[in-house]
Amino acid sequence: MVDKFKNKLQCTCNDVVAFEIIDDIECDWGNHVVIQCPNCEELFSIDNQCPAFQNISKLVNSNTGLYSKDEIENYVSNSHHN
């Protein structure tokens, strides 16, 4: 999954950037793989939805084909709840 983020993508700040990949960040519910925009510094959880980070669906809307339908369903179904 991390390979998807090695290419430049459009961030929610509207810049096309190479995201920094951070392999292990802890939240109240466990650990995540996240990406960070070098421009706006926003963090996005890429393994599952977590209220501590931005939702990857915001990037999927701007980057067609980033996640398949099955990957999106898996991302949401494994989400943390507040």
N, C-alpha and C. Protein backbone atom coordinates (compact mmCIF):
# COMPACT_ATOMS: atom_id res chain seq x y z
N MET A 1 0.82 -1.20 0.00
CA MET A 1 0.00 0.00 0.00
C MET A 1 0.86 1.26 0.00
N VAL A 2 1.98 1.24 0.67
CA VAL A 2 2.85 2.41 0.77
C VAL A 2 3.35 2.84 -0.61
N ASP A 3 3.51 1.89 -1.52
CA ASP A 3 4.01 2.21 -2.86
C ASP A 3 3.14 3.23 -3.59
N LYS A 4 1.85 3.26 -3.29
CA LYS A 4 0.92 4.21 -3.92
C LYS A 4 1.32 5.65 -3.64
N PHE A 5 2.04 5.86 -2.57
CA PHE A 5 2.33 7.22 -2.12
C PHE A 5 3.76 7.65 -2.42
N LYS A 6 4.48 6.85 -3.18
CA LYS A 6 5.85 7.21 -3.56
C LYS A 6 5.86 8.17 -4.74
N ASN A 7 4.75 8.25 -5.49
CA ASN A 7 4.62 9.20 -6.59
C ASN A 7 3.98 10.48 -6.07
N LYS A 8 4.14 11.55 -6.81
CA LYS A 8 3.51 12.82 -6.43
C LYS A 8 1.99 12.72 -6.58
N LEU A 9 1.29 13.31 -5.62
CA LEU A 9 -0.17 13.32 -5.59
C LEU A 9 -0.66 14.72 -5.26
N GLN A 10 -1.91 14.97 -5.58
CA GLN A 10 -2.50 16.26 -5.22
C GLN A 10 -3.02 16.18 -3.80
N CYS A 11 -2.56 17.08 -2.97
CA CYS A 11 -3.00 17.15 -1.58
C CYS A 11 -4.28 17.99 -1.49
N THR A 12 -4.89 17.97 -0.33
CA THR A 12 -6.08 18.79 -0.11
C THR A 12 -5.75 20.28 -0.11
N CYS A 13 -4.47 20.62 0.02
CA CYS A 13 -4.04 22.03 -0.07
C CYS A 13 -3.88 22.45 -1.53
N ASN A 14 -4.21 21.55 -2.46
CA ASN A 14 -4.20 21.76 -3.91
C ASN A 14 -2.81 21.74 -4.54
N ASP A 15 -1.77 21.49 -3.78
CA ASP A 15 -0.43 21.35 -4.35
C ASP A 15 -0.19 19.89 -4.71
N VAL A 16 0.59 19.65 -5.74
CA VAL A 16 1.02 18.31 -6.11
C VAL A 16 2.36 18.09 -5.43
N VAL A 17 2.40 17.10 -4.54
CA VAL A 17 3.57 16.91 -3.67
C VAL A 17 3.97 15.44 -3.58
N ALA A 18 5.18 15.22 -3.14
CA ALA A 18 5.64 13.89 -2.76
C ALA A 18 5.45 13.80 -1.24
N PHE A 19 4.50 13.00 -0.81
CA PHE A 19 4.20 12.87 0.61
C PHE A 19 5.32 12.16 1.34
N GLU A 20 5.55 12.56 2.58
CA GLU A 20 6.48 11.84 3.45
C GLU A 20 5.72 10.67 4.06
N ILE A 21 6.31 9.50 4.05
CA ILE A 21 5.67 8.31 4.62
C ILE A 21 6.24 8.08 6.01
N ILE A 22 5.34 7.99 6.98
CA ILE A 22 5.73 7.76 8.38
C ILE A 22 5.15 6.41 8.77
N ASP A 23 6.02 5.45 9.02
CA ASP A 23 5.60 4.06 9.20
C ASP A 23 4.85 3.75 10.48
N ASP A 24 5.05 4.51 11.51
CA ASP A 24 4.48 4.10 12.79
C ASP A 24 4.18 5.30 13.67
N ILE A 25 2.91 5.67 13.71
CA ILE A 25 2.47 6.75 14.61
C ILE A 25 1.36 6.17 15.47
N GLU A 26 1.43 6.44 16.75
CA GLU A 26 0.46 5.90 17.69
C GLU A 26 -0.69 6.87 17.92
N CYS A 27 -1.89 6.29 18.01
CA CYS A 27 -3.07 7.05 18.44
C CYS A 27 -3.63 6.34 19.67
N ASP A 28 -4.76 6.79 20.17
CA ASP A 28 -5.36 6.18 21.36
C ASP A 28 -5.82 4.74 21.12
N TRP A 29 -5.99 4.34 19.85
CA TRP A 29 -6.54 3.02 19.53
C TRP A 29 -5.52 2.07 18.93
N GLY A 30 -4.30 2.52 18.68
CA GLY A 30 -3.29 1.64 18.08
C GLY A 30 -2.27 2.44 17.27
N ASN A 31 -1.59 1.75 16.36
CA ASN A 31 -0.56 2.38 15.53
C ASN A 31 -1.02 2.46 14.08
N HIS A 32 -0.48 3.44 13.36
CA HIS A 32 -0.87 3.68 11.97
C HIS A 32 0.34 3.94 11.08
N VAL A 33 0.11 3.71 9.81
CA VAL A 33 1.00 4.21 8.76
C VAL A 33 0.34 5.48 8.26
N VAL A 34 1.06 6.58 8.27
CA VAL A 34 0.49 7.86 7.83
C VAL A 34 1.40 8.50 6.79
N ILE A 35 0.82 9.43 6.06
CA ILE A 35 1.60 10.25 5.14
C ILE A 35 1.42 11.70 5.56
N GLN A 36 2.44 12.51 5.27
CA GLN A 36 2.38 13.93 5.62
C GLN A 36 2.73 14.77 4.42
N CYS A 37 1.91 15.79 4.18
CA CYS A 37 2.18 16.73 3.11
C CYS A 37 3.32 17.65 3.54
N PRO A 38 4.36 17.80 2.71
CA PRO A 38 5.47 18.69 3.08
C PRO A 38 5.09 20.16 3.01
N ASN A 39 3.97 20.47 2.35
CA ASN A 39 3.54 21.86 2.21
C ASN A 39 2.66 22.29 3.39
N CYS A 40 1.51 21.64 3.55
CA CYS A 40 0.57 22.05 4.60
C CYS A 40 0.77 21.27 5.91
N GLU A 41 1.61 20.22 5.86
CA GLU A 41 1.95 19.39 7.01
C GLU A 41 0.78 18.58 7.56
N GLU A 42 -0.30 18.44 6.78
CA GLU A 42 -1.44 17.63 7.20
C GLU A 42 -1.05 16.16 7.21
N LEU A 43 -1.54 15.43 8.18
CA LEU A 43 -1.30 13.99 8.30
C LEU A 43 -2.54 13.21 7.86
N PHE A 44 -2.33 12.17 7.08
CA PHE A 44 -3.41 11.31 6.60
C PHE A 44 -3.10 9.87 6.98
N SER A 45 -4.03 9.21 7.66
CA SER A 45 -3.88 7.79 7.96
C SER A 45 -4.19 7.01 6.69
N ILE A 46 -3.27 6.12 6.26
CA ILE A 46 -3.51 5.39 5.02
C ILE A 46 -3.91 3.93 5.25
N ASP A 47 -3.83 3.44 6.50
CA ASP A 47 -4.17 2.04 6.75
C ASP A 47 -5.63 1.85 7.16
N ASN A 48 -6.16 2.75 7.94
CA ASN A 48 -7.59 2.76 8.28
C ASN A 48 -7.98 4.13 8.81
N GLN A 49 -9.26 4.37 8.84
CA GLN A 49 -9.78 5.68 9.24
C GLN A 49 -9.59 5.87 10.74
N CYS A 50 -9.09 7.04 11.13
CA CYS A 50 -8.84 7.35 12.53
C CYS A 50 -9.16 8.83 12.76
N PRO A 51 -9.88 9.15 13.82
CA PRO A 51 -10.22 10.55 14.09
C PRO A 51 -9.01 11.43 14.42
N ALA A 52 -7.86 10.83 14.71
CA ALA A 52 -6.67 11.61 15.03
C ALA A 52 -5.99 12.19 13.79
N PHE A 53 -6.34 11.66 12.60
CA PHE A 53 -5.71 12.08 11.34
C PHE A 53 -6.76 12.35 10.28
N GLN A 54 -6.35 13.00 9.21
CA GLN A 54 -7.26 13.24 8.09
C GLN A 54 -7.62 11.92 7.41
N ASN A 55 -8.80 11.88 6.84
CA ASN A 55 -9.31 10.70 6.14
C ASN A 55 -8.72 10.63 4.73
N ILE A 56 -8.27 9.47 4.32
CA ILE A 56 -7.67 9.29 3.00
C ILE A 56 -8.67 9.57 1.88
N SER A 57 -9.96 9.48 2.16
CA SER A 57 -10.96 9.72 1.11
C SER A 57 -10.86 11.14 0.56
N LYS A 58 -10.33 12.06 1.34
CA LYS A 58 -10.12 13.42 0.84
C LYS A 58 -9.08 13.43 -0.27
N LEU A 59 -8.08 12.56 -0.18
CA LEU A 59 -7.07 12.46 -1.23
C LEU A 59 -7.58 11.62 -2.40
N VAL A 60 -8.37 10.61 -2.11
CA VAL A 60 -8.92 9.74 -3.16
C VAL A 60 -9.78 10.56 -4.11
N ASN A 61 -10.52 11.53 -3.59
CA ASN A 61 -11.38 12.38 -4.42
C ASN A 61 -10.57 13.20 -5.42
N SER A 62 -9.37 13.59 -5.05
CA SER A 62 -8.52 14.41 -5.92
C SER A 62 -7.55 13.59 -6.77
N ASN A 63 -7.39 12.32 -6.45
CA ASN A 63 -6.42 11.45 -7.13
C ASN A 63 -7.11 10.16 -7.57
N THR A 64 -7.75 10.22 -8.71
CA THR A 64 -8.51 9.10 -9.24
C THR A 64 -7.64 7.86 -9.35
N GLY A 65 -8.17 6.74 -8.88
CA GLY A 65 -7.47 5.48 -8.97
C GLY A 65 -6.50 5.21 -7.83
N LEU A 66 -6.41 6.12 -6.87
CA LEU A 66 -5.48 5.93 -5.76
C LEU A 66 -5.84 4.68 -4.96
N TYR A 67 -7.11 4.51 -4.62
CA TYR A 67 -7.60 3.32 -3.93
C TYR A 67 -8.70 2.70 -4.78
N SER A 68 -8.75 1.38 -4.81
CA SER A 68 -9.85 0.68 -5.48
C SER A 68 -11.07 0.72 -4.57
N LYS A 69 -12.20 0.34 -5.11
CA LYS A 69 -13.43 0.30 -4.32
C LYS A 69 -13.26 -0.62 -3.11
N ASP A 70 -12.63 -1.79 -3.32
CA ASP A 70 -12.40 -2.73 -2.22
C ASP A 70 -11.46 -2.15 -1.16
N GLU A 71 -10.43 -1.44 -1.60
CA GLU A 71 -9.50 -0.82 -0.65
C GLU A 71 -10.19 0.25 0.18
N ILE A 72 -11.07 1.01 -0.43
CA ILE A 72 -11.82 2.04 0.30
C ILE A 72 -12.75 1.39 1.32
N GLU A 73 -13.45 0.33 0.91
CA GLU A 73 -14.35 -0.37 1.83
C GLU A 73 -13.57 -0.95 3.01
N ASN A 74 -12.40 -1.52 2.75
CA ASN A 74 -11.56 -2.08 3.81
C ASN A 74 -11.07 -0.98 4.75
N TYR A 75 -10.68 0.16 4.19
CA TYR A 75 -10.22 1.31 4.98
C TYR A 75 -11.30 1.76 5.94
N VAL A 76 -12.51 1.89 5.45
CA VAL A 76 -13.62 2.37 6.27
C VAL A 76 -14.07 1.32 7.27
N SER A 77 -14.11 0.05 6.86
CA SER A 77 -14.59 -1.01 7.75
C SER A 77 -13.64 -1.27 8.93
N ASN A 78 -12.38 -0.90 8.79
CA ASN A 78 -11.41 -1.07 9.87
C ASN A 78 -11.18 0.21 10.67
N SER A 79 -12.09 1.16 10.54
CA SER A 79 -11.90 2.47 11.15
C SER A 79 -12.07 2.44 12.67
N HIS A 80 -11.44 3.43 13.31
CA HIS A 80 -11.63 3.67 14.74
C HIS A 80 -12.83 4.58 14.89
N HIS A 81 -13.54 4.39 15.96
CA HIS A 81 -14.69 5.25 16.24
C HIS A 81 -14.39 6.11 17.46
N ASN A 82 -14.90 7.34 17.43
CA ASN A 82 -14.67 8.26 18.57
C ASN A 82 -15.28 7.72 19.83
